[in-house]
């Protein structure tokens, strides 16, 4: 986990296997490929959290429930850690809402017999199934495809800035990302000053 400061506020960047939750003015960011990030929030308590997980395990059949399978175990663990942290910080589990991202197929489709090529689609299937089973509504999603994503999650209006990532990463995109999360913090500060 990496923390960058902007004025008196933070941008927290999480890596695979990590999660972060806060009620502070902040932006949580991550870079996704076949991994999935679940962005959960309680709009009443102004709490946000994000995890970044990659499922592991043996190949699964399409009919197998991921929540109860070997392959879904890491995703279940990541989701329960994030939900538990949000609840410990004051969120009401019944008020949680979700925005979900990731699950790309980045190395090409070589058939469903190769587990490596199915990680993204299994992650997409898992997160939808998990949230449906927990009764957590999904307000936005951008799953699948053949591109990575950089996402920034704001505790201001619970918005997500998403940028597709290809092979042409450049300094101008990095500057644009920086301006995006700093603008989000400025807007959060202004909004809280008038409430």
N, C-alpha and C. Protein backbone atom coordinates (compact mmCIF):
# COMPACT_ATOMS: atom_id res chain seq x y z
N UNK A 1 0.85 -1.16 0.00
CA UNK A 1 0.00 0.00 0.00
C UNK A 1 0.90 1.23 0.00
N UNK A 2 0.52 2.17 -0.81
CA UNK A 2 1.30 3.40 -0.94
C UNK A 2 0.39 4.59 -0.65
N UNK A 3 0.90 5.54 0.13
CA UNK A 3 0.12 6.73 0.46
C UNK A 3 0.85 7.95 -0.10
N UNK A 4 0.10 8.77 -0.87
CA UNK A 4 0.62 10.04 -1.37
C UNK A 4 -0.17 11.15 -0.70
N UNK A 5 0.52 12.21 -0.31
CA UNK A 5 -0.13 13.33 0.34
C UNK A 5 -0.40 14.45 -0.67
N UNK A 6 -1.54 15.10 -0.51
CA UNK A 6 -1.87 16.29 -1.26
C UNK A 6 -2.51 17.24 -0.27
N UNK A 7 -1.81 18.34 0.03
CA UNK A 7 -2.20 19.24 1.11
C UNK A 7 -2.26 18.38 2.37
N UNK A 8 -3.39 18.32 3.07
CA UNK A 8 -3.49 17.49 4.28
C UNK A 8 -4.25 16.19 4.03
N UNK A 9 -4.38 15.79 2.78
CA UNK A 9 -5.23 14.66 2.43
C UNK A 9 -4.41 13.58 1.71
N UNK A 10 -5.03 12.44 1.50
CA UNK A 10 -4.29 11.30 0.99
C UNK A 10 -4.92 10.65 -0.23
N UNK A 11 -4.04 10.09 -1.03
CA UNK A 11 -4.42 9.12 -2.06
C UNK A 11 -3.74 7.84 -1.65
N UNK A 12 -4.50 6.77 -1.53
CA UNK A 12 -3.97 5.48 -1.13
C UNK A 12 -4.04 4.57 -2.35
N UNK A 13 -2.90 4.01 -2.72
CA UNK A 13 -2.85 3.08 -3.84
C UNK A 13 -2.69 1.67 -3.29
N UNK A 14 -3.61 0.80 -3.65
CA UNK A 14 -3.54 -0.58 -3.17
C UNK A 14 -3.06 -1.51 -4.28
N UNK A 15 -2.41 -2.56 -3.85
CA UNK A 15 -1.85 -3.59 -4.74
C UNK A 15 -2.69 -4.85 -4.62
N UNK A 16 -2.44 -5.85 -5.48
CA UNK A 16 -3.17 -7.12 -5.37
C UNK A 16 -3.05 -7.70 -3.96
N UNK A 17 -4.19 -8.15 -3.44
CA UNK A 17 -4.24 -8.74 -2.11
C UNK A 17 -4.47 -7.73 -0.99
N UNK A 18 -4.54 -6.45 -1.32
CA UNK A 18 -4.72 -5.43 -0.29
C UNK A 18 -6.14 -4.86 -0.33
N UNK A 19 -6.49 -4.17 0.75
CA UNK A 19 -7.76 -3.44 0.81
C UNK A 19 -7.54 -2.22 1.70
N UNK A 20 -8.44 -1.24 1.58
CA UNK A 20 -8.35 -0.05 2.41
C UNK A 20 -9.74 0.54 2.54
N UNK A 21 -10.07 1.03 3.75
CA UNK A 21 -11.36 1.66 4.01
C UNK A 21 -11.13 2.92 4.84
N UNK A 22 -11.96 3.95 4.60
CA UNK A 22 -11.80 5.21 5.33
C UNK A 22 -13.08 6.02 5.31
N UNK A 23 -13.19 6.90 6.29
CA UNK A 23 -14.26 7.90 6.31
C UNK A 23 -13.68 9.29 6.03
N UNK A 24 -12.39 9.37 5.86
CA UNK A 24 -11.70 10.64 5.63
C UNK A 24 -11.85 11.10 4.18
N UNK A 25 -11.54 12.36 3.94
CA UNK A 25 -11.41 12.87 2.58
C UNK A 25 -10.23 12.15 1.96
N UNK A 26 -10.47 11.40 0.91
CA UNK A 26 -9.40 10.58 0.32
C UNK A 26 -9.82 10.07 -1.04
N UNK A 27 -8.82 9.56 -1.75
CA UNK A 27 -9.03 8.83 -3.00
C UNK A 27 -8.27 7.52 -2.87
N UNK A 28 -8.93 6.42 -3.21
CA UNK A 28 -8.29 5.11 -3.21
C UNK A 28 -8.11 4.71 -4.67
N UNK A 29 -6.90 4.26 -5.02
CA UNK A 29 -6.58 3.94 -6.42
C UNK A 29 -5.98 2.54 -6.54
N UNK A 30 -6.10 1.99 -7.75
CA UNK A 30 -5.42 0.73 -8.05
C UNK A 30 -5.31 0.57 -9.57
N UNK A 31 -4.48 -0.35 -9.97
CA UNK A 31 -4.28 -0.74 -11.38
C UNK A 31 -4.72 -2.18 -11.52
N UNK A 32 -5.64 -2.43 -12.46
CA UNK A 32 -6.23 -3.76 -12.63
C UNK A 32 -5.93 -4.34 -14.00
N UNK A 33 -5.75 -5.64 -14.03
CA UNK A 33 -5.72 -6.42 -15.25
C UNK A 33 -6.84 -7.44 -15.14
N UNK A 34 -6.49 -8.71 -14.91
CA UNK A 34 -7.51 -9.74 -14.72
C UNK A 34 -8.06 -9.73 -13.30
N UNK A 35 -7.42 -9.01 -12.40
CA UNK A 35 -7.91 -8.85 -11.03
C UNK A 35 -9.19 -8.04 -11.02
N UNK A 36 -9.89 -8.07 -9.90
CA UNK A 36 -11.10 -7.29 -9.71
C UNK A 36 -10.94 -6.41 -8.48
N UNK A 37 -11.46 -5.20 -8.57
CA UNK A 37 -11.55 -4.31 -7.41
C UNK A 37 -13.03 -4.08 -7.12
N UNK A 38 -13.40 -4.32 -5.88
CA UNK A 38 -14.75 -3.99 -5.43
C UNK A 38 -14.65 -2.70 -4.63
N UNK A 39 -15.38 -1.70 -5.06
CA UNK A 39 -15.44 -0.40 -4.37
C UNK A 39 -16.76 -0.37 -3.63
N UNK A 40 -16.71 -0.48 -2.30
CA UNK A 40 -17.91 -0.49 -1.49
C UNK A 40 -18.04 0.83 -0.75
N UNK A 41 -19.27 1.25 -0.51
CA UNK A 41 -19.47 2.48 0.23
C UNK A 41 -20.80 2.49 0.95
N UNK A 42 -20.82 3.23 2.07
CA UNK A 42 -22.04 3.51 2.81
C UNK A 42 -22.30 5.00 2.63
N UNK A 43 -23.26 5.39 1.79
CA UNK A 43 -23.47 6.81 1.51
C UNK A 43 -23.97 7.61 2.72
N UNK A 44 -24.55 6.93 3.70
CA UNK A 44 -25.07 7.63 4.88
C UNK A 44 -23.95 7.95 5.87
N UNK A 45 -23.01 7.04 6.04
CA UNK A 45 -21.90 7.24 6.97
C UNK A 45 -20.67 7.84 6.29
N UNK A 46 -20.73 8.00 4.97
CA UNK A 46 -19.62 8.55 4.18
C UNK A 46 -18.34 7.73 4.36
N UNK A 47 -18.50 6.43 4.25
CA UNK A 47 -17.37 5.50 4.33
C UNK A 47 -17.16 4.86 2.97
N UNK A 48 -15.90 4.74 2.56
CA UNK A 48 -15.58 4.03 1.32
C UNK A 48 -14.50 2.99 1.60
N UNK A 49 -14.45 1.99 0.74
CA UNK A 49 -13.40 0.99 0.82
C UNK A 49 -13.22 0.32 -0.52
N UNK A 50 -12.02 -0.16 -0.75
CA UNK A 50 -11.72 -0.87 -1.99
C UNK A 50 -10.81 -2.04 -1.68
N UNK A 51 -11.03 -3.15 -2.38
CA UNK A 51 -10.08 -4.26 -2.34
C UNK A 51 -9.60 -4.54 -3.75
N UNK A 52 -8.60 -5.39 -3.86
CA UNK A 52 -8.00 -5.75 -5.15
C UNK A 52 -7.64 -7.23 -5.02
N UNK A 53 -8.40 -8.09 -5.70
CA UNK A 53 -8.14 -9.52 -5.52
C UNK A 53 -8.00 -10.26 -6.84
N UNK A 54 -7.24 -11.35 -6.75
CA UNK A 54 -7.05 -12.28 -7.87
C UNK A 54 -7.37 -13.66 -7.34
N UNK A 55 -8.36 -14.32 -7.94
CA UNK A 55 -8.72 -15.67 -7.51
C UNK A 55 -7.60 -16.63 -7.83
N UNK A 56 -7.50 -17.68 -7.04
CA UNK A 56 -6.52 -18.73 -7.31
C UNK A 56 -7.20 -20.07 -7.11
N UNK A 57 -6.61 -21.11 -7.61
CA UNK A 57 -7.16 -22.45 -7.42
C UNK A 57 -7.24 -23.19 -8.72
N UNK A 58 -7.88 -24.32 -8.65
CA UNK A 58 -7.96 -25.20 -9.82
C UNK A 58 -9.04 -24.73 -10.78
N UNK A 59 -8.99 -25.18 -12.03
CA UNK A 59 -10.02 -24.80 -13.01
C UNK A 59 -11.41 -25.19 -12.52
N UNK A 60 -12.38 -24.39 -12.86
CA UNK A 60 -13.75 -24.59 -12.40
C UNK A 60 -14.68 -24.83 -13.58
N UNK A 61 -15.73 -25.55 -13.30
CA UNK A 61 -16.76 -25.68 -14.33
C UNK A 61 -17.64 -24.44 -14.26
N UNK A 62 -18.30 -24.11 -15.36
CA UNK A 62 -19.15 -22.92 -15.40
C UNK A 62 -20.31 -23.03 -14.41
N UNK A 63 -20.74 -24.24 -14.09
CA UNK A 63 -21.89 -24.41 -13.21
C UNK A 63 -21.52 -24.35 -11.73
N UNK A 64 -20.25 -24.46 -11.40
CA UNK A 64 -19.83 -24.50 -10.00
C UNK A 64 -19.99 -23.14 -9.34
N UNK A 65 -20.53 -23.12 -8.13
CA UNK A 65 -20.68 -21.87 -7.40
C UNK A 65 -19.32 -21.42 -6.90
N UNK A 66 -18.92 -20.21 -7.28
CA UNK A 66 -17.61 -19.70 -6.89
C UNK A 66 -17.52 -19.38 -5.41
N UNK A 67 -18.63 -18.99 -4.79
CA UNK A 67 -18.59 -18.63 -3.37
C UNK A 67 -18.23 -19.82 -2.50
N UNK A 68 -18.50 -21.03 -2.96
CA UNK A 68 -18.25 -22.21 -2.15
C UNK A 68 -17.13 -23.06 -2.71
N UNK A 69 -16.43 -22.58 -3.71
CA UNK A 69 -15.40 -23.37 -4.37
C UNK A 69 -14.01 -23.02 -3.88
N UNK A 70 -13.05 -23.86 -4.20
CA UNK A 70 -11.64 -23.58 -3.92
C UNK A 70 -11.22 -22.30 -4.63
N UNK A 71 -11.67 -22.11 -5.88
CA UNK A 71 -11.28 -20.94 -6.65
C UNK A 71 -11.83 -19.64 -6.10
N UNK A 72 -12.98 -19.68 -5.42
CA UNK A 72 -13.56 -18.47 -4.88
C UNK A 72 -13.05 -18.09 -3.50
N UNK A 73 -12.27 -18.93 -2.89
CA UNK A 73 -11.86 -18.69 -1.50
C UNK A 73 -11.15 -17.35 -1.32
N UNK A 74 -10.20 -17.03 -2.14
CA UNK A 74 -9.46 -15.78 -1.95
C UNK A 74 -10.36 -14.58 -2.16
N UNK A 75 -11.24 -14.62 -3.14
CA UNK A 75 -12.18 -13.53 -3.35
C UNK A 75 -13.13 -13.37 -2.18
N UNK A 76 -13.62 -14.48 -1.62
CA UNK A 76 -14.49 -14.42 -0.45
C UNK A 76 -13.74 -13.79 0.71
N UNK A 77 -12.51 -14.19 0.92
CA UNK A 77 -11.69 -13.65 2.01
C UNK A 77 -11.51 -12.13 1.83
N UNK A 78 -11.18 -11.71 0.62
CA UNK A 78 -10.97 -10.28 0.34
C UNK A 78 -12.24 -9.48 0.57
N UNK A 79 -13.37 -10.03 0.17
CA UNK A 79 -14.64 -9.32 0.35
C UNK A 79 -15.02 -9.23 1.83
N UNK A 80 -14.86 -10.33 2.55
CA UNK A 80 -15.22 -10.31 3.98
C UNK A 80 -14.30 -9.39 4.78
N UNK A 81 -13.01 -9.34 4.43
CA UNK A 81 -12.11 -8.41 5.11
C UNK A 81 -12.56 -6.96 4.91
N UNK A 82 -12.88 -6.60 3.68
CA UNK A 82 -13.30 -5.24 3.38
C UNK A 82 -14.63 -4.90 4.06
N UNK A 83 -15.60 -5.78 3.96
CA UNK A 83 -16.90 -5.54 4.59
C UNK A 83 -16.74 -5.42 6.10
N UNK A 84 -15.98 -6.31 6.71
CA UNK A 84 -15.76 -6.26 8.16
C UNK A 84 -15.10 -4.96 8.59
N UNK A 85 -14.13 -4.48 7.81
CA UNK A 85 -13.45 -3.23 8.14
C UNK A 85 -14.41 -2.05 8.04
N UNK A 86 -15.22 -2.03 7.00
CA UNK A 86 -16.20 -0.95 6.85
C UNK A 86 -17.20 -0.95 8.01
N UNK A 87 -17.68 -2.13 8.39
CA UNK A 87 -18.64 -2.24 9.50
C UNK A 87 -17.98 -1.81 10.81
N UNK A 88 -16.72 -2.21 11.01
CA UNK A 88 -15.99 -1.81 12.22
C UNK A 88 -15.82 -0.29 12.30
N UNK A 89 -15.75 0.36 11.16
CA UNK A 89 -15.60 1.82 11.11
C UNK A 89 -16.95 2.54 11.19
N UNK A 90 -18.05 1.78 11.25
CA UNK A 90 -19.36 2.40 11.43
C UNK A 90 -20.36 2.22 10.31
N UNK A 91 -19.98 1.56 9.21
CA UNK A 91 -20.92 1.35 8.11
C UNK A 91 -22.01 0.36 8.54
N UNK A 92 -23.19 0.56 8.00
CA UNK A 92 -24.26 -0.41 8.18
C UNK A 92 -24.20 -1.38 7.00
N UNK A 93 -24.06 -2.65 7.29
CA UNK A 93 -23.95 -3.65 6.22
C UNK A 93 -25.12 -3.55 5.25
N UNK A 94 -26.30 -3.24 5.77
CA UNK A 94 -27.50 -3.15 4.93
C UNK A 94 -27.48 -1.92 4.02
N UNK A 95 -26.63 -0.94 4.31
CA UNK A 95 -26.54 0.28 3.49
C UNK A 95 -25.41 0.23 2.46
N UNK A 96 -24.61 -0.84 2.47
CA UNK A 96 -23.48 -0.90 1.55
C UNK A 96 -23.95 -0.98 0.11
N UNK A 97 -23.21 -0.30 -0.75
CA UNK A 97 -23.44 -0.29 -2.20
C UNK A 97 -22.10 -0.59 -2.86
N UNK A 98 -22.11 -1.01 -4.13
CA UNK A 98 -20.87 -1.43 -4.78
C UNK A 98 -20.72 -0.84 -6.17
N UNK A 99 -19.46 -0.67 -6.55
CA UNK A 99 -19.05 -0.40 -7.92
C UNK A 99 -17.89 -1.36 -8.17
N UNK A 100 -17.93 -2.08 -9.30
CA UNK A 100 -16.98 -3.17 -9.51
C UNK A 100 -16.27 -3.02 -10.86
N UNK A 101 -14.97 -3.36 -10.86
CA UNK A 101 -14.12 -3.12 -12.02
C UNK A 101 -13.09 -4.23 -12.18
N UNK A 102 -12.64 -4.42 -13.42
CA UNK A 102 -11.54 -5.35 -13.70
C UNK A 102 -12.00 -6.58 -14.44
N UNK A 103 -11.26 -7.67 -14.23
CA UNK A 103 -11.60 -8.94 -14.83
C UNK A 103 -11.28 -9.06 -16.31
N UNK A 104 -10.25 -8.37 -16.75
CA UNK A 104 -9.89 -8.39 -18.17
C UNK A 104 -9.23 -9.72 -18.56
N UNK A 105 -9.30 -10.04 -19.84
CA UNK A 105 -8.54 -11.13 -20.43
C UNK A 105 -7.44 -10.48 -21.24
N UNK A 106 -6.23 -10.50 -20.69
CA UNK A 106 -5.14 -9.74 -21.29
C UNK A 106 -4.22 -10.56 -22.18
N UNK A 107 -4.32 -11.89 -22.11
CA UNK A 107 -3.38 -12.69 -22.90
C UNK A 107 -4.04 -13.43 -24.04
N UNK A 108 -5.25 -13.08 -24.35
CA UNK A 108 -5.92 -13.69 -25.50
C UNK A 108 -6.69 -14.93 -25.10
N UNK A 109 -7.72 -15.23 -25.85
CA UNK A 109 -8.58 -16.37 -25.57
C UNK A 109 -8.04 -17.61 -26.25
N UNK A 110 -7.58 -18.55 -25.44
CA UNK A 110 -7.07 -19.80 -26.00
C UNK A 110 -7.95 -20.98 -25.64
N UNK A 111 -9.19 -20.69 -25.33
CA UNK A 111 -10.12 -21.76 -25.00
C UNK A 111 -10.35 -21.86 -23.51
N UNK A 112 -11.46 -22.47 -23.15
CA UNK A 112 -11.84 -22.52 -21.75
C UNK A 112 -11.13 -23.60 -20.96
N UNK A 113 -10.28 -24.38 -21.57
CA UNK A 113 -9.60 -25.43 -20.83
C UNK A 113 -8.37 -24.91 -20.09
N UNK A 114 -7.88 -23.74 -20.45
CA UNK A 114 -6.71 -23.18 -19.79
C UNK A 114 -7.15 -22.20 -18.72
N UNK A 115 -6.88 -22.55 -17.46
CA UNK A 115 -7.33 -21.74 -16.32
C UNK A 115 -6.78 -20.32 -16.37
N UNK A 116 -5.53 -20.17 -16.82
CA UNK A 116 -4.92 -18.85 -16.84
C UNK A 116 -5.73 -17.87 -17.68
N UNK A 117 -6.30 -18.35 -18.76
CA UNK A 117 -7.09 -17.49 -19.64
C UNK A 117 -8.48 -17.21 -19.11
N UNK A 118 -8.88 -17.93 -18.07
CA UNK A 118 -10.23 -17.78 -17.52
C UNK A 118 -10.25 -16.96 -16.24
N UNK A 119 -9.11 -16.52 -15.74
CA UNK A 119 -9.07 -15.81 -14.46
C UNK A 119 -9.98 -14.59 -14.49
N UNK A 120 -9.85 -13.76 -15.52
CA UNK A 120 -10.67 -12.55 -15.60
C UNK A 120 -12.15 -12.85 -15.60
N UNK A 121 -12.59 -13.79 -16.44
CA UNK A 121 -14.03 -14.09 -16.51
C UNK A 121 -14.52 -14.73 -15.22
N UNK A 122 -13.70 -15.57 -14.57
CA UNK A 122 -14.09 -16.16 -13.29
C UNK A 122 -14.18 -15.09 -12.21
N UNK A 123 -13.28 -14.12 -12.23
CA UNK A 123 -13.34 -13.02 -11.27
C UNK A 123 -14.63 -12.22 -11.45
N UNK A 124 -15.00 -11.96 -12.70
CA UNK A 124 -16.24 -11.22 -12.98
C UNK A 124 -17.45 -11.99 -12.46
N UNK A 125 -17.46 -13.27 -12.75
CA UNK A 125 -18.58 -14.11 -12.31
C UNK A 125 -18.64 -14.16 -10.79
N UNK A 126 -17.48 -14.31 -10.16
CA UNK A 126 -17.44 -14.38 -8.70
C UNK A 126 -18.00 -13.11 -8.06
N UNK A 127 -17.53 -11.94 -8.47
CA UNK A 127 -17.93 -10.71 -7.77
C UNK A 127 -19.42 -10.45 -7.93
N UNK A 128 -19.97 -10.72 -9.11
CA UNK A 128 -21.41 -10.53 -9.30
C UNK A 128 -22.20 -11.50 -8.40
N UNK A 129 -21.76 -12.76 -8.37
CA UNK A 129 -22.44 -13.77 -7.56
C UNK A 129 -22.35 -13.42 -6.08
N UNK A 130 -21.18 -13.01 -5.63
CA UNK A 130 -20.99 -12.68 -4.22
C UNK A 130 -21.89 -11.52 -3.79
N UNK A 131 -21.87 -10.43 -4.55
CA UNK A 131 -22.66 -9.25 -4.18
C UNK A 131 -24.16 -9.54 -4.23
N UNK A 132 -24.57 -10.31 -5.22
CA UNK A 132 -25.99 -10.71 -5.30
C UNK A 132 -26.37 -11.53 -4.06
N UNK A 133 -25.51 -12.47 -3.68
CA UNK A 133 -25.78 -13.31 -2.51
C UNK A 133 -25.80 -12.52 -1.21
N UNK A 134 -25.03 -11.46 -1.13
CA UNK A 134 -24.99 -10.63 0.08
C UNK A 134 -26.03 -9.52 0.07
N UNK A 135 -26.75 -9.36 -1.04
CA UNK A 135 -27.76 -8.32 -1.14
C UNK A 135 -27.18 -6.92 -1.23
N UNK A 136 -25.96 -6.80 -1.77
CA UNK A 136 -25.32 -5.49 -1.94
C UNK A 136 -25.56 -5.03 -3.37
N UNK A 137 -26.30 -3.94 -3.56
CA UNK A 137 -26.58 -3.48 -4.92
C UNK A 137 -25.33 -2.98 -5.64
N UNK A 138 -25.28 -3.23 -6.94
CA UNK A 138 -24.17 -2.77 -7.78
C UNK A 138 -24.66 -1.53 -8.54
N UNK A 139 -24.04 -0.39 -8.24
CA UNK A 139 -24.42 0.87 -8.87
C UNK A 139 -23.70 1.12 -10.19
N UNK A 140 -22.52 0.51 -10.35
CA UNK A 140 -21.75 0.68 -11.58
C UNK A 140 -20.80 -0.49 -11.74
N UNK A 141 -20.54 -0.84 -12.99
CA UNK A 141 -19.56 -1.89 -13.24
C UNK A 141 -18.90 -1.67 -14.59
N UNK A 142 -17.66 -2.09 -14.65
CA UNK A 142 -16.89 -2.12 -15.89
C UNK A 142 -16.00 -3.34 -15.79
N UNK A 143 -16.53 -4.47 -16.27
CA UNK A 143 -15.87 -5.77 -16.12
C UNK A 143 -15.56 -6.38 -17.48
N UNK A 144 -14.52 -7.21 -17.50
CA UNK A 144 -14.16 -7.94 -18.71
C UNK A 144 -13.37 -7.11 -19.69
N UNK A 145 -13.43 -7.48 -20.94
CA UNK A 145 -12.70 -6.78 -21.98
C UNK A 145 -11.26 -7.26 -22.08
N UNK A 146 -10.51 -6.57 -22.92
CA UNK A 146 -9.12 -6.96 -23.19
C UNK A 146 -8.16 -5.83 -22.86
N UNK A 147 -8.48 -5.06 -21.82
CA UNK A 147 -7.63 -3.93 -21.44
C UNK A 147 -7.59 -3.81 -19.92
N UNK A 148 -6.49 -3.30 -19.42
CA UNK A 148 -6.38 -3.02 -18.00
C UNK A 148 -7.09 -1.72 -17.68
N UNK A 149 -7.15 -1.41 -16.40
CA UNK A 149 -7.82 -0.20 -15.94
C UNK A 149 -7.06 0.41 -14.77
N UNK A 150 -6.98 1.73 -14.75
CA UNK A 150 -6.58 2.47 -13.57
C UNK A 150 -7.86 3.05 -13.02
N UNK A 151 -8.12 2.84 -11.72
CA UNK A 151 -9.32 3.42 -11.14
C UNK A 151 -8.97 4.23 -9.90
N UNK A 152 -9.74 5.30 -9.70
CA UNK A 152 -9.62 6.18 -8.54
C UNK A 152 -11.03 6.30 -7.95
N UNK A 153 -11.17 6.00 -6.67
CA UNK A 153 -12.46 6.00 -5.97
C UNK A 153 -12.47 7.16 -4.97
N UNK A 154 -13.43 8.06 -5.12
CA UNK A 154 -13.50 9.29 -4.34
C UNK A 154 -14.51 9.18 -3.19
N UNK A 155 -14.11 9.68 -2.02
CA UNK A 155 -15.05 9.73 -0.90
C UNK A 155 -15.86 11.03 -0.90
N UNK A 156 -15.84 11.76 -1.98
CA UNK A 156 -16.67 12.95 -2.09
C UNK A 156 -18.07 12.60 -2.50
N UNK A 157 -18.23 12.23 -3.76
CA UNK A 157 -19.54 11.84 -4.28
C UNK A 157 -19.57 10.37 -4.67
N UNK A 158 -18.59 9.61 -4.17
CA UNK A 158 -18.47 8.17 -4.42
C UNK A 158 -18.29 7.86 -5.90
N UNK A 159 -17.70 8.81 -6.62
CA UNK A 159 -17.50 8.60 -8.05
C UNK A 159 -16.22 7.80 -8.30
N UNK A 160 -16.18 7.23 -9.49
CA UNK A 160 -15.03 6.47 -9.95
C UNK A 160 -14.50 7.14 -11.22
N UNK A 161 -13.20 7.39 -11.23
CA UNK A 161 -12.53 7.78 -12.47
C UNK A 161 -11.86 6.52 -12.98
N UNK A 162 -12.17 6.12 -14.21
CA UNK A 162 -11.60 4.91 -14.80
C UNK A 162 -10.92 5.26 -16.10
N UNK A 163 -9.69 4.78 -16.25
CA UNK A 163 -8.95 4.97 -17.50
C UNK A 163 -8.48 3.60 -17.99
N UNK A 164 -8.74 3.34 -19.27
CA UNK A 164 -8.24 2.11 -19.87
C UNK A 164 -6.72 2.19 -19.99
N UNK A 165 -6.08 1.06 -19.80
CA UNK A 165 -4.62 1.00 -19.86
C UNK A 165 -4.23 0.06 -21.00
N UNK A 166 -3.40 0.58 -21.88
CA UNK A 166 -2.85 -0.24 -22.95
C UNK A 166 -1.34 -0.25 -22.84
N UNK A 167 -0.72 -0.57 -23.91
CA UNK A 167 0.74 -0.65 -23.92
C UNK A 167 1.40 0.72 -24.00
N UNK A 168 0.63 1.77 -24.27
CA UNK A 168 1.20 3.09 -24.51
C UNK A 168 1.12 4.02 -23.30
N UNK A 169 1.56 3.55 -22.15
CA UNK A 169 1.57 4.40 -20.95
C UNK A 169 2.56 5.54 -21.16
N UNK A 170 2.18 6.73 -20.75
CA UNK A 170 3.05 7.86 -20.96
C UNK A 170 3.00 8.82 -19.78
N UNK A 171 3.93 9.76 -19.78
CA UNK A 171 4.00 10.76 -18.72
C UNK A 171 2.75 11.63 -18.71
N UNK A 172 2.18 11.92 -19.89
CA UNK A 172 0.98 12.77 -19.92
C UNK A 172 -0.20 12.07 -19.25
N UNK A 173 -0.32 10.75 -19.39
CA UNK A 173 -1.40 10.01 -18.72
C UNK A 173 -1.18 10.02 -17.22
N UNK A 174 0.05 9.89 -16.79
CA UNK A 174 0.35 9.93 -15.36
C UNK A 174 -0.01 11.29 -14.78
N UNK A 175 0.30 12.37 -15.51
CA UNK A 175 -0.07 13.71 -15.05
C UNK A 175 -1.58 13.86 -14.98
N UNK A 176 -2.29 13.33 -15.97
CA UNK A 176 -3.75 13.40 -15.99
C UNK A 176 -4.34 12.64 -14.81
N UNK A 177 -3.80 11.47 -14.50
CA UNK A 177 -4.25 10.71 -13.33
C UNK A 177 -4.04 11.52 -12.05
N UNK A 178 -2.86 12.13 -11.92
CA UNK A 178 -2.55 12.91 -10.71
C UNK A 178 -3.54 14.07 -10.58
N UNK A 179 -3.81 14.78 -11.65
CA UNK A 179 -4.75 15.90 -11.61
C UNK A 179 -6.15 15.41 -11.25
N UNK A 180 -6.51 14.24 -11.74
CA UNK A 180 -7.84 13.68 -11.46
C UNK A 180 -8.02 13.45 -9.96
N UNK A 181 -7.09 12.75 -9.32
CA UNK A 181 -7.30 12.45 -7.90
C UNK A 181 -7.13 13.69 -7.04
N UNK A 182 -6.26 14.62 -7.43
CA UNK A 182 -6.13 15.85 -6.66
C UNK A 182 -7.39 16.71 -6.79
N UNK A 183 -8.00 16.77 -7.97
CA UNK A 183 -9.25 17.50 -8.16
C UNK A 183 -10.35 16.89 -7.30
N UNK A 184 -10.37 15.57 -7.22
CA UNK A 184 -11.37 14.90 -6.39
C UNK A 184 -11.23 15.31 -4.93
N UNK A 185 -10.02 15.39 -4.44
CA UNK A 185 -9.80 15.82 -3.05
C UNK A 185 -10.24 17.26 -2.86
N UNK A 186 -9.90 18.15 -3.80
CA UNK A 186 -10.32 19.55 -3.70
C UNK A 186 -11.85 19.64 -3.62
N UNK A 187 -12.55 18.87 -4.44
CA UNK A 187 -14.01 18.89 -4.44
C UNK A 187 -14.57 18.36 -3.12
N UNK A 188 -13.94 17.32 -2.55
CA UNK A 188 -14.39 16.78 -1.27
C UNK A 188 -14.24 17.82 -0.16
N UNK A 189 -13.11 18.51 -0.15
CA UNK A 189 -12.86 19.55 0.86
C UNK A 189 -13.92 20.65 0.75
N UNK A 190 -14.17 21.13 -0.47
CA UNK A 190 -15.17 22.18 -0.68
C UNK A 190 -16.55 21.73 -0.25
N UNK A 191 -16.94 20.51 -0.61
CA UNK A 191 -18.26 20.00 -0.26
C UNK A 191 -18.44 19.90 1.24
N UNK A 192 -17.41 19.44 1.96
CA UNK A 192 -17.53 19.29 3.41
C UNK A 192 -17.52 20.64 4.13
N UNK A 193 -16.92 21.66 3.53
CA UNK A 193 -16.91 22.99 4.14
C UNK A 193 -18.31 23.60 4.14
N UNK A 194 -19.15 23.20 3.19
CA UNK A 194 -20.47 23.78 3.06
C UNK A 194 -21.56 22.89 3.63
N UNK A 195 -21.19 21.84 4.37
CA UNK A 195 -22.20 20.97 5.01
C UNK A 195 -22.23 21.18 6.49
